[in-house]
Amino acid sequence: MKLGFGLPHGGHSVSPHNIVLIAQEAERLGFDSVWTYEHLLRPTRPIPGVLGGEPMLQSHLYGTCYDPLETLTYVAAKTERVKLGTGIVNALFHPPVVLAKRFATLDQLSGGRAIAGLGQGWMPDEFETTGVPMKRRGAGFEEYVQALRAIWGANPVSFKGRFYTIAESEIGPKPLNPEGIPIILGAFVPAALQRAALIADGVMPGNMPWEISEQAIPGFRSIAQQAGRNAARLQIIIRAVNVPGKELPLTGSFEKITGDIFHMQDLGVDQIIFDPGQLDTPIEQQLHFMQQLSTLIPQLA
């Protein structure tokens, strides 16, 4: 199993210096990947979160968040090996041809290190701001993935669907790998896990309670296998945020986190991304946590 680390590209600690500092330290310590996320705006009124619940003000990180792909392109020029992933970009807010070209450009400039972590968005304010109807989710998101794969395929590109149409055209650059860029779908609910098992190269759920994870992780591969896919090739990437006061896997003391990591490995998880920057953790503490985690990398290989 591999470990990844989130870049500090939002909140009080965001700066080009800190982004590069974390990226280069992750590479030096042997982490497999570094990751960004996307927030377009922060509503000034309380709203329900991604899984509903009582309305509340969203994190201040939403209001100051560097663009995920531009950040990774900057990091690509400052690193040599570490993979560059989005966890996640809300695909529906971008025309498929625009997002496909941006990912392919990052992939070419980085020597084939891009990972396309995609979601379909959840915040009504962002859908309204980008002029995309929320009813586009679901079937529209599945078609979006089809369009991306078509654009990354051989020229001439041609696509006609219910939501997206691409006239026969030459579109480049293409990803460095002829098979395209890995598409990993963010997922929190059963329908999203099933969608990822059927159409993506992997899935990226959050650190869910054990009673859910222990069913969802093997269930994801089972769905893929029943659909005739090579389930062993699909990636399961857990994105963990150590939220104080919540009894979740991959949270709490480092000793507890260590035990949880090895249990995740036993369940068949391919990678865990730790992202203390989501809590605006000071950079010094992030670096210390990275150093602790790096001691486990040889044992996970």
C-alpha atoms as a PDB file:
ATOM      1  CA  MET A   1       0.000   0.000   0.000  1.00  0.00           C
ATOM      2  CA  LYS A   2       1.116   3.546  -0.735  1.00  0.00           C
ATOM      3  CA  LEU A   3       0.793   6.835   1.135  1.00  0.00           C
ATOM      4  CA  GLY A   4      -0.014  10.254  -0.308  1.00  0.00           C
ATOM      5  CA  PHE A   5      -0.148  13.726   1.191  1.00  0.00           C
ATOM      6  CA  GLY A   6      -2.346  16.759   0.595  1.00  0.00           C
ATOM      7  CA  LEU A   7      -0.795  20.056  -0.471  1.00  0.00           C
ATOM      8  CA  PRO A   8      -1.524  23.175   1.627  1.00  0.00           C
ATOM      9  CA  HIS A   9      -3.170  25.210  -1.126  1.00  0.00           C
ATOM     10  CA  GLY A  10      -6.021  26.733   0.870  1.00  0.00           C
ATOM     11  CA  GLY A  11      -6.507  28.611   4.133  1.00  0.00           C
ATOM     12  CA  HIS A  12      -4.133  30.612   6.285  1.00  0.00           C
ATOM     13  CA  SER A  13      -1.004  28.599   5.481  1.00  0.00           C
ATOM     14  CA  VAL A  14      -1.353  28.723   1.707  1.00  0.00           C
ATOM     15  CA  SER A  15       1.627  30.129  -0.184  1.00  0.00           C
ATOM     16  CA  PRO A  16       3.799  29.052  -3.111  1.00  0.00           C
ATOM     17  CA  HIS A  17       6.639  28.425  -0.651  1.00  0.00           C
ATOM     18  CA  ASN A  18       4.603  26.099   1.585  1.00  0.00           C
ATOM     19  CA  ILE A  19       3.126  24.225  -1.371  1.00  0.00           C
ATOM     20  CA  VAL A  20       6.578  23.454  -2.756  1.00  0.00           C
ATOM     21  CA  LEU A  21       7.950  22.703   0.721  1.00  0.00           C
ATOM     22  CA  ILE A  22       5.355  19.982   1.347  1.00  0.00           C
ATOM     23  CA  ALA A  23       5.631  18.591  -2.183  1.00  0.00           C
ATOM     24  CA  GLN A  24       9.406  18.298  -2.118  1.00  0.00           C
ATOM     25  CA  GLU A  25       9.422  16.832   1.381  1.00  0.00           C
ATOM     26  CA  ALA A  26       6.816  14.274   0.353  1.00  0.00           C
ATOM     27  CA  GLU A  27       9.024  13.251  -2.559  1.00  0.00           C
ATOM     28  CA  ARG A  28      12.157  13.105  -0.392  1.00  0.00           C
ATOM     29  CA  LEU A  29      10.455  10.945   2.248  1.00  0.00           C
ATOM     30  CA  GLY A  30       9.119   8.424  -0.249  1.00  0.00           C
ATOM     31  CA  PHE A  31       5.428   9.343  -0.451  1.00  0.00           C
ATOM     32  CA  ASP A  32       3.798   8.168  -3.667  1.00  0.00           C
ATOM     33  CA  SER A  33       1.699  11.239  -4.455  1.00  0.00           C
ATOM     34  CA  VAL A  34       0.602  14.757  -3.549  1.00  0.00           C
ATOM     35  CA  TRP A  35      -2.955  16.034  -3.932  1.00  0.00           C
ATOM     36  CA  THR A  36      -5.072  19.129  -4.370  1.00  0.00           C
ATOM     37  CA  TYR A  37      -8.810  19.777  -4.118  1.00  0.00           C
ATOM     38  CA  GLU A  38     -11.228  22.277  -5.631  1.00  0.00           C
ATOM     39  CA  HIS A  39     -13.500  24.855  -4.008  1.00  0.00           C
ATOM     40  CA  LEU A  40     -14.784  27.731  -6.128  1.00  0.00           C
ATOM     41  CA  LEU A  41     -16.293  29.823  -3.346  1.00  0.00           C
ATOM     42  CA  ARG A  42     -17.436  29.955   0.279  1.00  0.00           C
ATOM     43  CA  PRO A  43     -21.041  31.012   0.853  1.00  0.00           C
ATOM     44  CA  THR A  44     -21.389  33.611   3.588  1.00  0.00           C
ATOM     45  CA  ARG A  45     -24.572  31.953   4.892  1.00  0.00           C
ATOM     46  CA  PRO A  46     -24.869  28.576   6.641  1.00  0.00           C
ATOM     47  CA  ILE A  47     -25.617  25.677   4.266  1.00  0.00           C
ATOM     48  CA  PRO A  48     -25.858  21.894   4.717  1.00  0.00           C
ATOM     49  CA  GLY A  49     -22.647  19.956   4.117  1.00  0.00           C
ATOM     50  CA  VAL A  50     -21.895  17.338   1.482  1.00  0.00           C
ATOM     51  CA  LEU A  51     -23.856  14.672   3.374  1.00  0.00           C
ATOM     52  CA  GLY A  52     -26.616  17.014   4.553  1.00  0.00           C
ATOM     53  CA  GLY A  53     -27.271  17.731   8.220  1.00  0.00           C
ATOM     54  CA  GLU A  54     -27.873  21.014   9.983  1.00  0.00           C
ATOM     55  CA  PRO A  55     -26.832  24.119   7.994  1.00  0.00           C
ATOM     56  CA  MET A  56     -23.485  25.535   9.029  1.00  0.00           C
ATOM     57  CA  LEU A  57     -20.859  27.913   7.736  1.00  0.00           C
ATOM     58  CA  GLN A  58     -18.439  26.026   5.497  1.00  0.00           C
ATOM     59  CA  SER A  59     -14.702  25.976   6.156  1.00  0.00           C
ATOM     60  CA  HIS A  60     -12.820  29.204   5.567  1.00  0.00           C
ATOM     61  CA  LEU A  61     -10.526  27.182   3.273  1.00  0.00           C
ATOM     62  CA  TYR A  62     -13.307  27.288   0.678  1.00  0.00           C
ATOM     63  CA  GLY A  63     -12.835  31.043   0.353  1.00  0.00           C
ATOM     64  CA  THR A  64      -9.072  31.001  -0.346  1.00  0.00           C
ATOM     65  CA  CYS A  65      -8.204  27.975  -2.427  1.00  0.00           C
ATOM     66  CA  TYR A  66      -5.644  27.913  -5.241  1.00  0.00           C
ATOM     67  CA  ASP A  67      -6.738  26.272  -8.477  1.00  0.00           C
ATOM     68  CA  PRO A  68      -5.944  22.545  -8.230  1.00  0.00           C
ATOM     69  CA  LEU A  69      -4.445  21.989 -11.685  1.00  0.00           C
ATOM     70  CA  GLU A  70      -2.382  25.164 -11.795  1.00  0.00           C
ATOM     71  CA  THR A  71      -1.026  24.250  -8.356  1.00  0.00           C
ATOM     72  CA  LEU A  72      -0.045  20.762  -9.523  1.00  0.00           C
ATOM     73  CA  THR A  73       1.579  22.161 -12.669  1.00  0.00           C
ATOM     74  CA  TYR A  74       3.673  24.467 -10.491  1.00  0.00           C
ATOM     75  CA  VAL A  75       4.624  21.508  -8.303  1.00  0.00           C
ATOM     76  CA  ALA A  76       5.461  19.419 -11.372  1.00  0.00           C
ATOM     77  CA  ALA A  77       8.261  21.847 -12.212  1.00  0.00           C
ATOM     78  CA  LYS A  78       9.662  21.545  -8.666  1.00  0.00           C
ATOM     79  CA  THR A  79       9.588  17.735  -8.328  1.00  0.00           C
ATOM     80  CA  GLU A  80      10.698  14.721 -10.349  1.00  0.00           C
ATOM     81  CA  ARG A  81       8.920  11.564  -9.179  1.00  0.00           C
ATOM     82  CA  VAL A  82       5.900  12.132  -6.981  1.00  0.00           C
ATOM     83  CA  LYS A  83       2.507  11.630  -8.666  1.00  0.00           C
ATOM     84  CA  LEU A  84       0.143  14.609  -8.954  1.00  0.00           C
ATOM     85  CA  GLY A  85      -3.518  14.029  -8.142  1.00  0.00           C
ATOM     86  CA  THR A  86      -6.712  16.007  -7.705  1.00  0.00           C
ATOM     87  CA  GLY A  87      -8.872  14.915  -4.822  1.00  0.00           C
ATOM     88  CA  ILE A  88     -11.140  16.144  -6.226  1.00  0.00           C
ATOM     89  CA  VAL A  89     -12.013  18.465  -9.154  1.00  0.00           C
ATOM     90  CA  ASN A  90     -15.744  19.015  -9.614  1.00  0.00           C
ATOM     91  CA  ALA A  91     -15.878  18.009 -13.256  1.00  0.00           C
ATOM     92  CA  LEU A  92     -19.336  19.323 -14.107  1.00  0.00           C
ATOM     93  CA  PHE A  93     -18.187  22.909 -13.527  1.00  0.00           C
ATOM     94  CA  HIS A  94     -15.784  22.650 -16.504  1.00  0.00           C
ATOM     95  CA  PRO A  95     -16.499  21.834 -20.170  1.00  0.00           C
ATOM     96  CA  PRO A  96     -15.071  18.345 -20.858  1.00  0.00           C
ATOM     97  CA  VAL A  97     -12.713  19.525 -23.598  1.00  0.00           C
ATOM     98  CA  VAL A  98     -11.266  22.253 -21.336  1.00  0.00           C
ATOM     99  CA  LEU A  99     -10.663  19.954 -18.380  1.00  0.00           C
ATOM    100  CA  ALA A 100      -9.315  17.177 -20.622  1.00  0.00           C
ATOM    101  CA  LYS A 101      -6.740  19.518 -22.173  1.00  0.00           C
ATOM    102  CA  ARG A 102      -5.678  20.863 -18.782  1.00  0.00           C
ATOM    103  CA  PHE A 103      -5.121  17.383 -17.378  1.00  0.00           C
ATOM    104  CA  ALA A 104      -3.314  16.252 -20.526  1.00  0.00           C
ATOM    105  CA  THR A 105      -1.076  19.327 -20.384  1.00  0.00           C
ATOM    106  CA  LEU A 106      -0.205  18.588 -16.742  1.00  0.00           C
ATOM    107  CA  ASP A 107       0.480  14.979 -17.679  1.00  0.00           C
ATOM    108  CA  GLN A 108       2.830  15.949 -20.514  1.00  0.00           C
ATOM    109  CA  LEU A 109       4.677  18.597 -18.492  1.00  0.00           C
ATOM    110  CA  SER A 110       5.115  16.232 -15.524  1.00  0.00           C
ATOM    111  CA  GLY A 111       6.261  13.205 -17.501  1.00  0.00           C
ATOM    112  CA  GLY A 112       3.035  11.228 -17.062  1.00  0.00           C
ATOM    113  CA  ARG A 113       2.390  11.820 -13.361  1.00  0.00           C
ATOM    114  CA  ALA A 114      -1.202  13.116 -13.449  1.00  0.00           C
ATOM    115  CA  ILE A 115      -4.125  11.426 -11.662  1.00  0.00           C
ATOM    116  CA  ALA A 116      -7.619  12.756 -12.408  1.00  0.00           C
ATOM    117  CA  GLY A 117      -9.627  12.581  -9.210  1.00  0.00           C
ATOM    118  CA  LEU A 118     -13.131  13.751 -10.164  1.00  0.00           C
ATOM    119  CA  GLY A 119     -16.398  14.494  -8.402  1.00  0.00           C
ATOM    120  CA  GLN A 120     -19.706  15.873  -9.546  1.00  0.00           C
ATOM    121  CA  GLY A 121     -20.115  18.635  -6.963  1.00  0.00           C
ATOM    122  CA  TRP A 122     -22.651  19.088  -4.189  1.00  0.00           C
ATOM    123  CA  MET A 123     -22.928  22.784  -3.277  1.00  0.00           C
ATOM    124  CA  PRO A 124     -25.935  24.561  -4.894  1.00  0.00           C
ATOM    125  CA  ASP A 125     -24.100  27.898  -4.868  1.00  0.00           C
ATOM    126  CA  GLU A 126     -21.299  26.528  -7.035  1.00  0.00           C
ATOM    127  CA  PHE A 127     -23.736  25.032  -9.534  1.00  0.00           C
ATOM    128  CA  GLU A 128     -25.594  28.338  -9.746  1.00  0.00           C
ATOM    129  CA  THR A 129     -22.352  30.308 -10.145  1.00  0.00           C
ATOM    130  CA  THR A 130     -21.075  28.089 -12.965  1.00  0.00           C
ATOM    131  CA  GLY A 131     -24.442  27.977 -14.726  1.00  0.00           C
ATOM    132  CA  VAL A 132     -24.749  24.187 -14.476  1.00  0.00           C
ATOM    133  CA  PRO A 133     -28.047  22.618 -13.310  1.00  0.00           C
ATOM    134  CA  MET A 134     -27.737  20.259 -10.341  1.00  0.00           C
ATOM    135  CA  LYS A 135     -29.884  17.736 -12.231  1.00  0.00           C
ATOM    136  CA  ARG A 136     -26.819  17.218 -14.466  1.00  0.00           C
ATOM    137  CA  ARG A 137     -25.411  14.996 -11.725  1.00  0.00           C
ATOM    138  CA  GLY A 138     -25.697  11.250 -12.106  1.00  0.00           C
ATOM    139  CA  ALA A 139     -26.282  10.494 -15.772  1.00  0.00           C
ATOM    140  CA  GLY A 140     -24.558  13.724 -16.811  1.00  0.00           C
ATOM    141  CA  PHE A 141     -21.477  12.876 -14.772  1.00  0.00           C
ATOM    142  CA  GLU A 142     -21.256   9.391 -16.291  1.00  0.00           C
ATOM    143  CA  GLU A 143     -21.430  10.890 -19.770  1.00  0.00           C
ATOM    144  CA  TYR A 144     -18.768  13.425 -18.794  1.00  0.00           C
ATOM    145  CA  VAL A 145     -16.340  10.586 -18.040  1.00  0.00           C
ATOM    146  CA  GLN A 146     -17.108   9.058 -21.432  1.00  0.00           C
ATOM    147  CA  ALA A 147     -16.366  12.387 -23.101  1.00  0.00           C
ATOM    148  CA  LEU A 148     -13.021  12.707 -21.281  1.00  0.00           C
ATOM    149  CA  ARG A 149     -11.935   9.285 -22.460  1.00  0.00           C
ATOM    150  CA  ALA A 150     -12.950  10.148 -26.023  1.00  0.00           C
ATOM    151  CA  ILE A 151     -10.912  13.379 -25.953  1.00  0.00           C
ATOM    152  CA  TRP A 152      -7.855  11.556 -24.607  1.00  0.00           C
ATOM    153  CA  GLY A 153      -8.226   8.910 -27.324  1.00  0.00           C
ATOM    154  CA  ALA A 154      -6.994   8.949 -30.890  1.00  0.00           C
ATOM    155  CA  ASN A 155      -7.732  11.804 -33.283  1.00  0.00           C
ATOM    156  CA  PRO A 156     -10.073  12.641 -34.830  1.00  0.00           C
ATOM    157  CA  VAL A 157     -12.251  12.944 -31.732  1.00  0.00           C
ATOM    158  CA  SER A 158     -16.008  12.804 -32.091  1.00  0.00           C
ATOM    159  CA  PHE A 159     -18.606  12.543 -29.332  1.00  0.00           C
ATOM    160  CA  LYS A 160     -22.358  12.975 -29.238  1.00  0.00           C
ATOM    161  CA  GLY A 161     -24.366  12.373 -26.094  1.00  0.00           C
ATOM    162  CA  ARG A 162     -27.373  13.682 -24.271  1.00  0.00           C
ATOM    163  CA  PHE A 163     -25.434  16.425 -22.458  1.00  0.00           C
ATOM    164  CA  TYR A 164     -22.177  16.887 -24.378  1.00  0.00           C
ATOM    165  CA  THR A 165     -21.315  17.046 -28.068  1.00  0.00           C
ATOM    166  CA  ILE A 166     -17.884  17.327 -29.673  1.00  0.00           C
ATOM    167  CA  ALA A 167     -17.731  17.864 -33.418  1.00  0.00           C
ATOM    168  CA  GLU A 168     -15.204  15.673 -35.215  1.00  0.00           C
ATOM    169  CA  SER A 169     -11.933  17.405 -34.426  1.00  0.00           C
ATOM    170  CA  GLU A 170      -8.271  17.071 -33.693  1.00  0.00           C
ATOM    171  CA  ILE A 171      -7.741  17.735 -29.986  1.00  0.00           C
ATOM    172  CA  GLY A 172      -4.413  17.748 -28.201  1.00  0.00           C
ATOM    173  CA  PRO A 173      -2.238  17.368 -26.321  1.00  0.00           C
ATOM    174  CA  LYS A 174      -2.938  13.762 -25.435  1.00  0.00           C
ATOM    175  CA  PRO A 175      -1.853  12.156 -22.159  1.00  0.00           C
ATOM    176  CA  LEU A 176       1.628  10.681 -22.194  1.00  0.00           C
ATOM    177  CA  ASN A 177       0.243   7.173 -21.624  1.00  0.00           C
ATOM    178  CA  PRO A 178      -1.853   6.007 -24.617  1.00  0.00           C
ATOM    179  CA  GLU A 179      -4.298   4.433 -22.136  1.00  0.00           C
ATOM    180  CA  GLY A 180      -5.079   7.891 -20.789  1.00  0.00           C
ATOM    181  CA  ILE A 181      -4.928   9.412 -17.312  1.00  0.00           C
ATOM    182  CA  PRO A 182      -6.312   7.335 -14.408  1.00  0.00           C
ATOM    183  CA  ILE A 183      -9.807   8.554 -13.486  1.00  0.00           C
ATOM    184  CA  ILE A 184     -10.603   8.171  -9.776  1.00  0.00           C
ATOM    185  CA  LEU A 185     -14.122   9.109  -8.679  1.00  0.00           C
ATOM    186  CA  GLY A 186     -14.897  10.645  -5.325  1.00  0.00           C
ATOM    187  CA  ALA A 187     -17.695   8.729  -3.601  1.00  0.00           C
ATOM    188  CA  PHE A 188     -19.585   8.888  -0.306  1.00  0.00           C
ATOM    189  CA  VAL A 189     -22.832   6.998  -0.979  1.00  0.00           C
ATOM    190  CA  PRO A 190     -23.544   3.504  -2.402  1.00  0.00           C
ATOM    191  CA  ALA A 191     -24.709   4.793  -5.806  1.00  0.00           C
ATOM    192  CA  ALA A 192     -21.450   6.693  -6.270  1.00  0.00           C
ATOM    193  CA  LEU A 193     -19.362   3.670  -5.240  1.00  0.00           C
ATOM    194  CA  GLN A 194     -21.236   1.577  -7.790  1.00  0.00           C
ATOM    195  CA  ARG A 195     -20.715   4.190 -10.510  1.00  0.00           C
ATOM    196  CA  ALA A 196     -16.979   4.225  -9.854  1.00  0.00           C
ATOM    197  CA  ALA A 197     -16.817   0.421  -9.970  1.00  0.00           C
ATOM    198  CA  LEU A 198     -18.468   0.426 -13.388  1.00  0.00           C
ATOM    199  CA  ILE A 199     -16.848   3.344 -15.241  1.00  0.00           C
ATOM    200  CA  ALA A 200     -13.695   4.563 -13.432  1.00  0.00           C
ATOM    201  CA  ASP A 201     -10.151   3.399 -12.748  1.00  0.00           C
ATOM    202  CA  GLY A 202     -10.719   3.640  -9.019  1.00  0.00           C
ATOM    203  CA  VAL A 203     -12.650   5.229  -6.186  1.00  0.00           C
ATOM    204  CA  MET A 204     -11.801   7.806  -3.522  1.00  0.00           C
ATOM    205  CA  PRO A 205     -14.093   7.676  -0.496  1.00  0.00           C
ATOM    206  CA  GLY A 206     -13.455   9.523   2.743  1.00  0.00           C
ATOM    207  CA  ASN A 207     -12.433   7.825   5.973  1.00  0.00           C
ATOM    208  CA  MET A 208     -15.826   6.272   6.728  1.00  0.00           C
ATOM    209  CA  PRO A 209     -16.688   4.380   9.938  1.00  0.00           C
ATOM    210  CA  TRP A 210     -15.281   0.858  10.049  1.00  0.00           C
ATOM    211  CA  GLU A 211     -18.700  -0.773   9.772  1.00  0.00           C
ATOM    212  CA  ILE A 212     -19.155   0.978   6.413  1.00  0.00           C
ATOM    213  CA  SER A 213     -15.571   0.638   5.145  1.00  0.00           C
ATOM    214  CA  GLU A 214     -15.413  -3.084   5.870  1.00  0.00           C
ATOM    215  CA  GLN A 215     -18.406  -3.634   3.590  1.00  0.00           C
ATOM    216  CA  ALA A 216     -17.844  -0.915   0.973  1.00  0.00           C
ATOM    217  CA  ILE A 217     -14.209  -1.731   0.120  1.00  0.00           C
ATOM    218  CA  PRO A 218     -14.677  -5.414  -0.821  1.00  0.00           C
ATOM    219  CA  GLY A 219     -18.120  -4.545  -2.207  1.00  0.00           C
ATOM    220  CA  PHE A 220     -16.569  -2.099  -4.666  1.00  0.00           C
ATOM    221  CA  ARG A 221     -14.322  -4.760  -6.178  1.00  0.00           C
ATOM    222  CA  SER A 222     -17.174  -7.273  -6.212  1.00  0.00           C
ATOM    223  CA  ILE A 223     -19.374  -4.928  -8.277  1.00  0.00           C
ATOM    224  CA  ALA A 224     -16.534  -4.361 -10.752  1.00  0.00           C
ATOM    225  CA  GLN A 225     -15.835  -8.066 -11.068  1.00  0.00           C
ATOM    226  CA  GLN A 226     -19.508  -8.897 -11.652  1.00  0.00           C
ATOM    227  CA  ALA A 227     -19.516  -6.303 -14.446  1.00  0.00           C
ATOM    228  CA  GLY A 228     -16.671  -8.132 -16.173  1.00  0.00           C
ATOM    229  CA  ARG A 229     -13.961  -5.673 -15.210  1.00  0.00           C
ATOM    230  CA  ASN A 230     -10.490  -6.504 -13.870  1.00  0.00           C
ATOM    231  CA  ALA A 231     -11.257  -5.547 -10.283  1.00  0.00           C
ATOM    232  CA  ALA A 232      -7.663  -6.047  -9.145  1.00  0.00           C
ATOM    233  CA  ARG A 233      -6.514  -3.179 -11.388  1.00  0.00           C
ATOM    234  CA  LEU A 234      -8.941  -0.665  -9.879  1.00  0.00           C
ATOM    235  CA  GLN A 235      -7.540   1.590  -7.168  1.00  0.00           C
ATOM    236  CA  ILE A 236      -9.125   2.241  -3.796  1.00  0.00           C
ATOM    237  CA  ILE A 237      -7.729   5.485  -2.387  1.00  0.00           C
ATOM    238  CA  ILE A 238      -8.867   6.667   1.047  1.00  0.00           C
ATOM    239  CA  ARG A 239      -8.628  10.391   1.753  1.00  0.00           C
ATOM    240  CA  ALA A 240      -8.230  10.989   5.496  1.00  0.00           C
ATOM    241  CA  VAL A 241      -8.659  14.159   7.515  1.00  0.00           C
ATOM    242  CA  ASN A 242      -7.927  13.843  11.237  1.00  0.00           C
ATOM    243  CA  VAL A 243     -10.995  15.689  12.532  1.00  0.00           C
ATOM    244  CA  PRO A 244     -10.754  16.293  16.306  1.00  0.00           C
ATOM    245  CA  GLY A 245     -13.515  14.731  18.379  1.00  0.00           C
ATOM    246  CA  LYS A 246     -14.631  12.245  15.709  1.00  0.00           C
ATOM    247  CA  GLU A 247     -14.105   8.523  16.198  1.00  0.00           C
ATOM    248  CA  LEU A 248     -13.216   7.588  12.651  1.00  0.00           C
ATOM    249  CA  PRO A 249     -10.552   5.409  11.068  1.00  0.00           C
ATOM    250  CA  LEU A 250      -7.196   7.119  10.472  1.00  0.00           C
ATOM    251  CA  THR A 251      -7.837   9.751  13.150  1.00  0.00           C
ATOM    252  CA  GLY A 252      -6.589  10.248  16.697  1.00  0.00           C
ATOM    253  CA  SER A 253      -3.132   9.431  18.049  1.00  0.00           C
ATOM    254  CA  PHE A 254      -0.334   8.337  15.757  1.00  0.00           C
ATOM    255  CA  GLU A 255      -0.386   4.897  17.383  1.00  0.00           C
ATOM    256  CA  LYS A 256      -4.078   4.512  16.516  1.00  0.00           C
ATOM    257  CA  ILE A 257      -3.529   5.855  12.993  1.00  0.00           C
ATOM    258  CA  THR A 258      -0.729   3.314  12.509  1.00  0.00           C
ATOM    259  CA  GLY A 259      -2.998   0.420  13.446  1.00  0.00           C
ATOM    260  CA  ASP A 260      -5.733   1.754  11.177  1.00  0.00           C
ATOM    261  CA  ILE A 261      -3.329   2.018   8.232  1.00  0.00           C
ATOM    262  CA  PHE A 262      -2.395  -1.653   8.471  1.00  0.00           C
ATOM    263  CA  HIS A 263      -6.042  -2.653   8.850  1.00  0.00           C
ATOM    264  CA  MET A 264      -6.834  -0.666   5.683  1.00  0.00           C
ATOM    265  CA  GLN A 265      -4.047  -2.525   3.931  1.00  0.00           C
ATOM    266  CA  ASP A 266      -5.582  -5.836   5.004  1.00  0.00           C
ATOM    267  CA  LEU A 267      -8.934  -4.709   3.559  1.00  0.00           C
ATOM    268  CA  GLY A 268      -7.347  -4.135   0.159  1.00  0.00           C
ATOM    269  CA  VAL A 269      -6.892  -0.350   0.139  1.00  0.00           C
ATOM    270  CA  ASP A 270      -4.242   0.715  -2.392  1.00  0.00           C
ATOM    271  CA  GLN A 271      -3.393   4.167  -1.051  1.00  0.00           C
ATOM    272  CA  ILE A 272      -4.210   6.505   1.835  1.00  0.00           C
ATOM    273  CA  ILE A 273      -3.951  10.265   1.411  1.00  0.00           C
ATOM    274  CA  PHE A 274      -3.432  12.254   4.596  1.00  0.00           C
ATOM    275  CA  ASP A 275      -4.479  15.894   4.348  1.00  0.00           C
ATOM    276  CA  PRO A 276      -3.947  17.851   7.585  1.00  0.00           C
ATOM    277  CA  GLY A 277      -4.041  21.048   5.536  1.00  0.00           C
ATOM    278  CA  GLN A 278      -7.821  20.599   5.365  1.00  0.00           C
ATOM    279  CA  LEU A 279      -7.812  21.639   9.037  1.00  0.00           C
ATOM    280  CA  ASP A 280      -5.354  24.486   8.409  1.00  0.00           C
ATOM    281  CA  THR A 281      -2.753  22.638  10.464  1.00  0.00           C
ATOM    282  CA  PRO A 282       0.448  24.710  10.828  1.00  0.00           C
ATOM    283  CA  ILE A 283       3.135  23.747   8.336  1.00  0.00           C
ATOM    284  CA  GLU A 284       5.571  22.717  11.076  1.00  0.00           C
ATOM    285  CA  GLN A 285       3.054  20.192  12.401  1.00  0.00           C
ATOM    286  CA  GLN A 286       2.349  18.917   8.891  1.00  0.00           C
ATOM    287  CA  LEU A 287       6.052  18.305   8.326  1.00  0.00           C
ATOM    288  CA  HIS A 288       6.329  16.464  11.650  1.00  0.00           C
ATOM    289  CA  PHE A 289       3.338  14.275  10.766  1.00  0.00           C
ATOM    290  CA  MET A 290       4.867  13.517   7.360  1.00  0.00           C
ATOM    291  CA  GLN A 291       8.078  12.423   9.058  1.00  0.00           C
ATOM    292  CA  GLN A 292       6.121  10.094  11.353  1.00  0.00           C
ATOM    293  CA  LEU A 293       4.169   8.589   8.469  1.00  0.00           C
ATOM    294  CA  SER A 294       7.307   8.081   6.389  1.00  0.00           C
ATOM    295  CA  THR A 295       8.615   5.579   8.945  1.00  0.00           C
ATOM    296  CA  LEU A 296       5.759   3.259   7.922  1.00  0.00           C
ATOM    297  CA  ILE A 297       6.415   3.382   4.154  1.00  0.00           C
ATOM    298  CA  PRO A 298       8.998   0.545   4.094  1.00  0.00           C
ATOM    299  CA  GLN A 299       6.621  -1.696   6.087  1.00  0.00           C
ATOM    300  CA  LEU A 300       3.760  -1.066   3.639  1.00  0.00           C
ATOM    301  CA  ALA A 301       5.748  -1.866   0.496  1.00  0.00           C
END
